[in-house]
Amino acid sequence: MLSDRIRAMSAPHWLTLFAGIAAAWGALYLMAVPAELRQFGAVYGAEFWASLCVVTPDAAGLARMTLMWVLMSGAMMAPTVLPALATYEELGQTGAVTSMGRLLGGYMAVWLGFSVMAALMQLALFQAGLLDPLGQSGVDWLSALLLAGAGLYQFSALKDACLDKCRSPMMFFLSHWDEGAWRNGVRLGLVCLGCCWALMLLAFVGGVMNLAFMGLATAIMVFEKLPDLGRYITRPLGGLLIAASALVGFGLI
């Protein structure tokens, strides 16, 4: 029952997980660039951001960007996987805490890999002059391409297949139970990546350290994975993203 699941989530390991999610959001808040500084950057250009050393095209800059993406992945993706973690714990019975730790470790290992790839992509686009130092697209065609790609992906068979597994975690785990917690975590991470990678890359449109974008994207991804509500979100969202792509591409917004 729902009440039993809620009571189970008051156990110390759940409270530790919730504290970790809150800490990731807190770190992102401290690292985020205030709106006022964004406005100053738009007025004064590259010299303003260079003076603040927001991003540098070197190993130190790549390390900072990777850290940003790791924090974003933890803060944004951990809430979306909570129902799956609860289901796994219910199935696990003995040794559930240790097993769930391995499951979460495998899951986050996938998102760590994504974070490294996203940081490399951000650095490459920045060096090409397509992103500003905040990780936001500086050219309309790139924004339109990212929006269109994410919108079209909402209609893909791969997206549907991944969402089906995320919406039915019990069937997913029972299909691979004998593989162990770590491998199940990696599988779950790959499925979740298949659901969310295109939406995560829209950070290059909304701004990598834009808390408003991160909050909205997290809410969308959480609701999209819900068994009942999610089915009414995926395709309408795809249509909205494609429409936004057209508006950006034609310079209307």
C-alpha atoms as a PDB file:
ATOM      1  CA  MET A   1       0.000   0.000   0.000  1.00  0.00           C
ATOM      2  CA  LEU A   2       1.021   3.622  -0.555  1.00  0.00           C
ATOM      3  CA  SER A   3       1.058   4.342   3.174  1.00  0.00           C
ATOM      4  CA  ASP A   4       3.444   1.426   3.780  1.00  0.00           C
ATOM      5  CA  ARG A   5       5.757   2.645   1.032  1.00  0.00           C
ATOM      6  CA  ILE A   6       5.792   6.154   2.494  1.00  0.00           C
ATOM      7  CA  ARG A   7       6.645   4.802   5.952  1.00  0.00           C
ATOM      8  CA  ALA A   8       9.445   2.692   4.465  1.00  0.00           C
ATOM      9  CA  MET A   9      10.928   5.828   2.902  1.00  0.00           C
ATOM     10  CA  SER A  10      11.512   7.269   6.376  1.00  0.00           C
ATOM     11  CA  ALA A  11      14.264   4.695   6.982  1.00  0.00           C
ATOM     12  CA  PRO A  12      17.819   6.077   7.429  1.00  0.00           C
ATOM     13  CA  HIS A  13      19.072   5.007   3.988  1.00  0.00           C
ATOM     14  CA  TRP A  14      16.150   6.792   2.326  1.00  0.00           C
ATOM     15  CA  LEU A  15      16.724   9.913   4.390  1.00  0.00           C
ATOM     16  CA  THR A  16      20.393   9.796   3.357  1.00  0.00           C
ATOM     17  CA  LEU A  17      19.374   9.604  -0.286  1.00  0.00           C
ATOM     18  CA  PHE A  18      16.970  12.521   0.083  1.00  0.00           C
ATOM     19  CA  ALA A  19      19.693  14.517   1.838  1.00  0.00           C
ATOM     20  CA  GLY A  20      22.049  13.773  -1.054  1.00  0.00           C
ATOM     21  CA  ILE A  21      19.509  15.021  -3.583  1.00  0.00           C
ATOM     22  CA  ALA A  22      18.935  18.173  -1.520  1.00  0.00           C
ATOM     23  CA  ALA A  23      22.700  18.710  -1.225  1.00  0.00           C
ATOM     24  CA  ALA A  24      23.108  18.418  -5.007  1.00  0.00           C
ATOM     25  CA  TRP A  25      20.395  21.039  -5.544  1.00  0.00           C
ATOM     26  CA  GLY A  26      22.014  23.226  -2.898  1.00  0.00           C
ATOM     27  CA  ALA A  27      25.383  22.994  -4.630  1.00  0.00           C
ATOM     28  CA  LEU A  28      23.767  23.861  -7.964  1.00  0.00           C
ATOM     29  CA  TYR A  29      22.094  26.856  -6.348  1.00  0.00           C
ATOM     30  CA  LEU A  30      25.447  28.094  -5.030  1.00  0.00           C
ATOM     31  CA  MET A  31      27.098  27.551  -8.435  1.00  0.00           C
ATOM     32  CA  ALA A  32      24.269  29.064 -10.465  1.00  0.00           C
ATOM     33  CA  VAL A  33      24.803  32.440 -12.102  1.00  0.00           C
ATOM     34  CA  PRO A  34      22.198  34.991 -10.949  1.00  0.00           C
ATOM     35  CA  ALA A  35      19.894  36.527 -13.530  1.00  0.00           C
ATOM     36  CA  GLU A  36      21.507  39.935 -13.002  1.00  0.00           C
ATOM     37  CA  LEU A  37      24.919  38.602 -14.019  1.00  0.00           C
ATOM     38  CA  ARG A  38      23.363  36.953 -17.074  1.00  0.00           C
ATOM     39  CA  GLN A  39      21.975  40.342 -18.081  1.00  0.00           C
ATOM     40  CA  PHE A  40      25.345  42.013 -17.574  1.00  0.00           C
ATOM     41  CA  GLY A  41      26.970  39.323 -19.699  1.00  0.00           C
ATOM     42  CA  ALA A  42      24.491  39.978 -22.503  1.00  0.00           C
ATOM     43  CA  VAL A  43      25.350  43.685 -22.396  1.00  0.00           C
ATOM     44  CA  TYR A  44      29.129  43.543 -21.966  1.00  0.00           C
ATOM     45  CA  GLY A  45      29.880  40.377 -23.935  1.00  0.00           C
ATOM     46  CA  ALA A  46      32.791  37.947 -23.739  1.00  0.00           C
ATOM     47  CA  GLU A  47      35.090  40.272 -21.769  1.00  0.00           C
ATOM     48  CA  PHE A  48      32.661  40.284 -18.844  1.00  0.00           C
ATOM     49  CA  TRP A  49      32.575  36.490 -18.573  1.00  0.00           C
ATOM     50  CA  ALA A  50      36.301  36.150 -19.206  1.00  0.00           C
ATOM     51  CA  SER A  51      36.915  38.373 -16.185  1.00  0.00           C
ATOM     52  CA  LEU A  52      34.845  35.984 -14.032  1.00  0.00           C
ATOM     53  CA  CYS A  53      36.485  32.840 -15.468  1.00  0.00           C
ATOM     54  CA  VAL A  54      33.145  31.039 -15.737  1.00  0.00           C
ATOM     55  CA  VAL A  55      34.494  28.586 -18.308  1.00  0.00           C
ATOM     56  CA  THR A  56      38.002  28.190 -19.632  1.00  0.00           C
ATOM     57  CA  PRO A  57      38.889  26.037 -22.664  1.00  0.00           C
ATOM     58  CA  ASP A  58      41.373  23.830 -20.807  1.00  0.00           C
ATOM     59  CA  ALA A  59      41.549  20.860 -18.470  1.00  0.00           C
ATOM     60  CA  ALA A  60      40.488  22.960 -15.476  1.00  0.00           C
ATOM     61  CA  GLY A  61      37.453  24.205 -17.379  1.00  0.00           C
ATOM     62  CA  LEU A  62      36.555  20.664 -18.415  1.00  0.00           C
ATOM     63  CA  ALA A  63      36.789  19.495 -14.790  1.00  0.00           C
ATOM     64  CA  ARG A  64      34.442  22.262 -13.655  1.00  0.00           C
ATOM     65  CA  MET A  65      31.973  21.483 -16.428  1.00  0.00           C
ATOM     66  CA  THR A  66      32.073  17.771 -15.615  1.00  0.00           C
ATOM     67  CA  LEU A  67      31.365  18.545 -11.960  1.00  0.00           C
ATOM     68  CA  MET A  68      28.437  20.727 -13.002  1.00  0.00           C
ATOM     69  CA  TRP A  69      26.963  17.958 -15.146  1.00  0.00           C
ATOM     70  CA  VAL A  70      27.496  15.340 -12.410  1.00  0.00           C
ATOM     71  CA  LEU A  71      25.615  17.530  -9.936  1.00  0.00           C
ATOM     72  CA  MET A  72      22.894  18.203 -12.507  1.00  0.00           C
ATOM     73  CA  SER A  73      22.521  14.508 -13.264  1.00  0.00           C
ATOM     74  CA  GLY A  74      22.290  13.604  -9.595  1.00  0.00           C
ATOM     75  CA  ALA A  75      19.883  16.404  -8.720  1.00  0.00           C
ATOM     76  CA  MET A  76      17.644  15.949 -11.754  1.00  0.00           C
ATOM     77  CA  MET A  77      17.691  12.199 -12.355  1.00  0.00           C
ATOM     78  CA  ALA A  78      17.647  10.787  -8.813  1.00  0.00           C
ATOM     79  CA  PRO A  79      14.083  12.060  -8.179  1.00  0.00           C
ATOM     80  CA  THR A  80      12.881  10.349 -11.365  1.00  0.00           C
ATOM     81  CA  VAL A  81      14.139   6.939 -10.226  1.00  0.00           C
ATOM     82  CA  LEU A  82      12.686   6.953  -6.696  1.00  0.00           C
ATOM     83  CA  PRO A  83       9.677   4.730  -7.605  1.00  0.00           C
ATOM     84  CA  ALA A  84      12.026   2.172  -9.164  1.00  0.00           C
ATOM     85  CA  LEU A  85      14.259   2.172  -6.079  1.00  0.00           C
ATOM     86  CA  ALA A  86      11.238   1.641  -3.834  1.00  0.00           C
ATOM     87  CA  THR A  87      10.055  -1.239  -6.014  1.00  0.00           C
ATOM     88  CA  TYR A  88      13.501  -2.848  -5.918  1.00  0.00           C
ATOM     89  CA  GLU A  89      13.611  -2.600  -2.132  1.00  0.00           C
ATOM     90  CA  GLU A  90      10.188  -4.243  -1.852  1.00  0.00           C
ATOM     91  CA  LEU A  91      11.360  -7.109  -4.041  1.00  0.00           C
ATOM     92  CA  GLY A  92      14.723  -7.474  -2.325  1.00  0.00           C
ATOM     93  CA  GLN A  93      13.632  -8.564   1.167  1.00  0.00           C
ATOM     94  CA  THR A  94      16.960  -9.541   2.816  1.00  0.00           C
ATOM     95  CA  GLY A  95      19.972  -7.289   2.345  1.00  0.00           C
ATOM     96  CA  ALA A  96      17.777  -4.667   0.726  1.00  0.00           C
ATOM     97  CA  VAL A  97      19.804  -1.662   1.890  1.00  0.00           C
ATOM     98  CA  THR A  98      23.108  -2.982   0.554  1.00  0.00           C
ATOM     99  CA  SER A  99      21.518  -4.150  -2.680  1.00  0.00           C
ATOM    100  CA  MET A 100      19.801  -0.827  -3.225  1.00  0.00           C
ATOM    101  CA  GLY A 101      23.134   0.934  -2.704  1.00  0.00           C
ATOM    102  CA  ARG A 102      24.693  -1.184  -5.453  1.00  0.00           C
ATOM    103  CA  LEU A 103      21.661  -0.582  -7.652  1.00  0.00           C
ATOM    104  CA  LEU A 104      21.945   3.188  -7.207  1.00  0.00           C
ATOM    105  CA  GLY A 105      25.699   2.971  -7.801  1.00  0.00           C
ATOM    106  CA  GLY A 106      25.210   1.239 -11.149  1.00  0.00           C
ATOM    107  CA  TYR A 107      22.509   3.731 -12.078  1.00  0.00           C
ATOM    108  CA  MET A 108      24.666   6.763 -11.318  1.00  0.00           C
ATOM    109  CA  ALA A 109      27.674   5.216 -13.082  1.00  0.00           C
ATOM    110  CA  VAL A 110      25.729   5.529 -16.335  1.00  0.00           C
ATOM    111  CA  TRP A 111      24.938   9.168 -15.615  1.00  0.00           C
ATOM    112  CA  LEU A 112      28.553   9.826 -14.682  1.00  0.00           C
ATOM    113  CA  GLY A 113      29.489   8.654 -18.164  1.00  0.00           C
ATOM    114  CA  PHE A 114      26.811  10.903 -19.637  1.00  0.00           C
ATOM    115  CA  SER A 115      28.149  13.830 -17.596  1.00  0.00           C
ATOM    116  CA  VAL A 116      31.652  13.394 -19.002  1.00  0.00           C
ATOM    117  CA  MET A 117      30.318  13.221 -22.569  1.00  0.00           C
ATOM    118  CA  ALA A 118      28.069  16.268 -22.029  1.00  0.00           C
ATOM    119  CA  ALA A 119      30.989  18.257 -20.596  1.00  0.00           C
ATOM    120  CA  LEU A 120      33.176  17.342 -23.580  1.00  0.00           C
ATOM    121  CA  MET A 121      30.348  18.384 -25.896  1.00  0.00           C
ATOM    122  CA  GLN A 122      29.935  21.671 -24.048  1.00  0.00           C
ATOM    123  CA  LEU A 123      33.653  22.413 -24.252  1.00  0.00           C
ATOM    124  CA  ALA A 124      33.759  21.605 -27.975  1.00  0.00           C
ATOM    125  CA  LEU A 125      30.739  23.813 -28.717  1.00  0.00           C
ATOM    126  CA  PHE A 126      32.188  26.595 -26.593  1.00  0.00           C
ATOM    127  CA  GLN A 127      35.498  26.452 -28.432  1.00  0.00           C
ATOM    128  CA  ALA A 128      33.582  26.552 -31.736  1.00  0.00           C
ATOM    129  CA  GLY A 129      31.861  29.741 -30.620  1.00  0.00           C
ATOM    130  CA  LEU A 130      28.403  28.155 -30.517  1.00  0.00           C
ATOM    131  CA  LEU A 131      27.899  28.370 -26.740  1.00  0.00           C
ATOM    132  CA  ASP A 132      28.493  31.267 -24.384  1.00  0.00           C
ATOM    133  CA  PRO A 133      30.549  30.720 -21.203  1.00  0.00           C
ATOM    134  CA  LEU A 134      27.345  29.784 -19.342  1.00  0.00           C
ATOM    135  CA  GLY A 135      26.753  26.828 -21.651  1.00  0.00           C
ATOM    136  CA  GLN A 136      23.844  28.478 -23.477  1.00  0.00           C
ATOM    137  CA  SER A 137      23.451  28.413 -27.247  1.00  0.00           C
ATOM    138  CA  GLY A 138      24.515  31.645 -28.912  1.00  0.00           C
ATOM    139  CA  VAL A 139      23.116  30.843 -32.361  1.00  0.00           C
ATOM    140  CA  ASP A 140      19.503  30.266 -33.329  1.00  0.00           C
ATOM    141  CA  TRP A 141      20.180  27.329 -35.626  1.00  0.00           C
ATOM    142  CA  LEU A 142      21.785  25.296 -32.818  1.00  0.00           C
ATOM    143  CA  SER A 143      18.888  26.037 -30.462  1.00  0.00           C
ATOM    144  CA  ALA A 144      16.396  25.088 -33.172  1.00  0.00           C
ATOM    145  CA  LEU A 145      18.295  21.869 -33.925  1.00  0.00           C
ATOM    146  CA  LEU A 146      18.372  20.821 -30.270  1.00  0.00           C
ATOM    147  CA  LEU A 147      14.674  21.599 -29.804  1.00  0.00           C
ATOM    148  CA  ALA A 148      13.692  19.755 -32.986  1.00  0.00           C
ATOM    149  CA  GLY A 149      15.837  16.756 -32.102  1.00  0.00           C
ATOM    150  CA  ALA A 150      14.333  16.504 -28.628  1.00  0.00           C
ATOM    151  CA  GLY A 151      10.833  16.962 -30.033  1.00  0.00           C
ATOM    152  CA  LEU A 152      11.194  14.283 -32.686  1.00  0.00           C
ATOM    153  CA  TYR A 153      12.734  11.885 -30.173  1.00  0.00           C
ATOM    154  CA  GLN A 154       9.526  12.103 -28.128  1.00  0.00           C
ATOM    155  CA  PHE A 155       7.794  10.205 -30.968  1.00  0.00           C
ATOM    156  CA  SER A 156      10.484   7.529 -31.391  1.00  0.00           C
ATOM    157  CA  ALA A 157      10.095   3.809 -30.724  1.00  0.00           C
ATOM    158  CA  LEU A 158      13.231   3.857 -28.548  1.00  0.00           C
ATOM    159  CA  LYS A 159      11.762   6.535 -26.291  1.00  0.00           C
ATOM    160  CA  ASP A 160       8.539   4.521 -25.970  1.00  0.00           C
ATOM    161  CA  ALA A 161      10.424   1.319 -25.143  1.00  0.00           C
ATOM    162  CA  CYS A 162      12.523   3.008 -22.468  1.00  0.00           C
ATOM    163  CA  LEU A 163       9.515   4.747 -20.923  1.00  0.00           C
ATOM    164  CA  ASP A 164       7.590   1.470 -20.774  1.00  0.00           C
ATOM    165  CA  LYS A 165      10.372  -0.041 -18.656  1.00  0.00           C
ATOM    166  CA  CYS A 166      10.602   3.016 -16.403  1.00  0.00           C
ATOM    167  CA  ARG A 167       6.828   3.000 -15.887  1.00  0.00           C
ATOM    168  CA  SER A 168       6.800  -0.723 -14.988  1.00  0.00           C
ATOM    169  CA  PRO A 169       9.865  -1.164 -12.740  1.00  0.00           C
ATOM    170  CA  MET A 170       8.630  -4.407 -11.178  1.00  0.00           C
ATOM    171  CA  MET A 171       8.444  -6.195 -14.531  1.00  0.00           C
ATOM    172  CA  PHE A 172      11.804  -4.696 -15.492  1.00  0.00           C
ATOM    173  CA  PHE A 173      13.542  -5.992 -12.368  1.00  0.00           C
ATOM    174  CA  LEU A 174      11.899  -9.415 -12.479  1.00  0.00           C
ATOM    175  CA  SER A 175      13.155  -9.848 -16.050  1.00  0.00           C
ATOM    176  CA  HIS A 176      16.784  -9.339 -14.958  1.00  0.00           C
ATOM    177  CA  TRP A 177      16.717 -10.193 -11.249  1.00  0.00           C
ATOM    178  CA  ASP A 178      19.391 -12.898 -11.411  1.00  0.00           C
ATOM    179  CA  GLU A 179      21.956 -10.430 -12.813  1.00  0.00           C
ATOM    180  CA  GLY A 180      22.422  -8.739  -9.436  1.00  0.00           C
ATOM    181  CA  ALA A 181      21.973  -5.234  -8.094  1.00  0.00           C
ATOM    182  CA  TRP A 182      24.893  -3.520  -9.864  1.00  0.00           C
ATOM    183  CA  ARG A 183      24.022  -4.802 -13.332  1.00  0.00           C
ATOM    184  CA  ASN A 184      20.360  -4.052 -12.740  1.00  0.00           C
ATOM    185  CA  GLY A 185      21.394  -0.529 -11.785  1.00  0.00           C
ATOM    186  CA  VAL A 186      23.400  -0.139 -14.971  1.00  0.00           C
ATOM    187  CA  ARG A 187      20.462  -1.463 -17.006  1.00  0.00           C
ATOM    188  CA  LEU A 188      18.121   0.925 -15.240  1.00  0.00           C
ATOM    189  CA  GLY A 189      20.535   3.798 -15.860  1.00  0.00           C
ATOM    190  CA  LEU A 190      20.717   2.997 -19.575  1.00  0.00           C
ATOM    191  CA  VAL A 191      16.931   2.815 -19.803  1.00  0.00           C
ATOM    192  CA  CYS A 192      16.639   6.133 -17.968  1.00  0.00           C
ATOM    193  CA  LEU A 193      19.280   7.631 -20.246  1.00  0.00           C
ATOM    194  CA  GLY A 194      17.234   6.459 -23.212  1.00  0.00           C
ATOM    195  CA  CYS A 195      14.252   8.340 -21.788  1.00  0.00           C
ATOM    196  CA  CYS A 196      15.941  11.580 -20.862  1.00  0.00           C
ATOM    197  CA  TRP A 197      19.169  12.316 -22.769  1.00  0.00           C
ATOM    198  CA  ALA A 198      17.549  14.569 -25.377  1.00  0.00           C
ATOM    199  CA  LEU A 199      15.694  16.583 -22.748  1.00  0.00           C
ATOM    200  CA  MET A 200      18.885  16.919 -20.693  1.00  0.00           C
ATOM    201  CA  LEU A 201      20.743  18.348 -23.693  1.00  0.00           C
ATOM    202  CA  LEU A 202      18.166  21.126 -23.868  1.00  0.00           C
ATOM    203  CA  ALA A 203      20.266  22.644 -21.085  1.00  0.00           C
ATOM    204  CA  PHE A 204      22.298  24.082 -23.965  1.00  0.00           C
ATOM    205  CA  VAL A 205      19.173  26.020 -24.938  1.00  0.00           C
ATOM    206  CA  GLY A 206      17.987  27.023 -21.471  1.00  0.00           C
ATOM    207  CA  GLY A 207      21.455  27.495 -19.976  1.00  0.00           C
ATOM    208  CA  VAL A 208      23.479  24.806 -18.223  1.00  0.00           C
ATOM    209  CA  MET A 209      23.370  26.558 -14.839  1.00  0.00           C
ATOM    210  CA  ASN A 210      19.831  27.919 -15.168  1.00  0.00           C
ATOM    211  CA  LEU A 211      17.970  26.717 -12.074  1.00  0.00           C
ATOM    212  CA  ALA A 212      14.565  27.524 -13.567  1.00  0.00           C
ATOM    213  CA  PHE A 213      15.277  25.265 -16.550  1.00  0.00           C
ATOM    214  CA  MET A 214      16.609  22.487 -14.320  1.00  0.00           C
ATOM    215  CA  GLY A 215      13.558  22.598 -12.065  1.00  0.00           C
ATOM    216  CA  LEU A 216      11.124  22.544 -14.988  1.00  0.00           C
ATOM    217  CA  ALA A 217      12.988  19.750 -16.784  1.00  0.00           C
ATOM    218  CA  THR A 218      13.113  17.652 -13.599  1.00  0.00           C
ATOM    219  CA  ALA A 219       9.362  18.014 -13.060  1.00  0.00           C
ATOM    220  CA  ILE A 220       8.645  17.039 -16.679  1.00  0.00           C
ATOM    221  CA  MET A 221      10.868  13.959 -16.498  1.00  0.00           C
ATOM    222  CA  VAL A 222       9.359  12.858 -13.178  1.00  0.00           C
ATOM    223  CA  PHE A 223       5.784  13.192 -14.472  1.00  0.00           C
ATOM    224  CA  GLU A 224       6.634  11.583 -17.802  1.00  0.00           C
ATOM    225  CA  LYS A 225       7.701   8.376 -16.030  1.00  0.00           C
ATOM    226  CA  LEU A 226       4.449   8.050 -14.079  1.00  0.00           C
ATOM    227  CA  PRO A 227       2.382   5.134 -15.456  1.00  0.00           C
ATOM    228  CA  ASP A 228      -0.888   7.020 -15.915  1.00  0.00           C
ATOM    229  CA  LEU A 229      -0.054  10.710 -16.248  1.00  0.00           C
ATOM    230  CA  GLY A 230       3.100  10.189 -18.292  1.00  0.00           C
ATOM    231  CA  ARG A 231       1.275   8.798 -21.315  1.00  0.00           C
ATOM    232  CA  TYR A 232      -0.481  12.140 -21.771  1.00  0.00           C
ATOM    233  CA  ILE A 233       2.758  14.133 -21.643  1.00  0.00           C
ATOM    234  CA  THR A 234       5.241  12.532 -24.033  1.00  0.00           C
ATOM    235  CA  ARG A 235       3.777  13.316 -27.457  1.00  0.00           C
ATOM    236  CA  PRO A 236       2.225  16.715 -26.633  1.00  0.00           C
ATOM    237  CA  LEU A 237       5.619  17.729 -25.260  1.00  0.00           C
ATOM    238  CA  GLY A 238       7.221  16.585 -28.507  1.00  0.00           C
ATOM    239  CA  GLY A 239       4.798  18.744 -30.478  1.00  0.00           C
ATOM    240  CA  LEU A 240       5.562  21.770 -28.309  1.00  0.00           C
ATOM    241  CA  LEU A 241       9.303  21.299 -28.733  1.00  0.00           C
ATOM    242  CA  ILE A 242       8.995  21.012 -32.525  1.00  0.00           C
ATOM    243  CA  ALA A 243       6.825  24.141 -32.600  1.00  0.00           C
ATOM    244  CA  ALA A 244       9.372  25.982 -30.454  1.00  0.00           C
ATOM    245  CA  SER A 245      12.106  24.858 -32.851  1.00  0.00           C
ATOM    246  CA  ALA A 246      10.237  26.373 -35.784  1.00  0.00           C
ATOM    247  CA  LEU A 247       9.693  29.643 -33.938  1.00  0.00           C
ATOM    248  CA  VAL A 248      13.351  29.887 -33.002  1.00  0.00           C
ATOM    249  CA  GLY A 249      14.505  28.867 -36.474  1.00  0.00           C
ATOM    250  CA  PHE A 250      12.429  31.601 -38.112  1.00  0.00           C
ATOM    251  CA  GLY A 251      13.552  34.163 -35.573  1.00  0.00           C
ATOM    252  CA  LEU A 252      10.103  34.643 -34.067  1.00  0.00           C
ATOM    253  CA  ILE A 253      11.317  34.114 -30.489  1.00  0.00           C
END
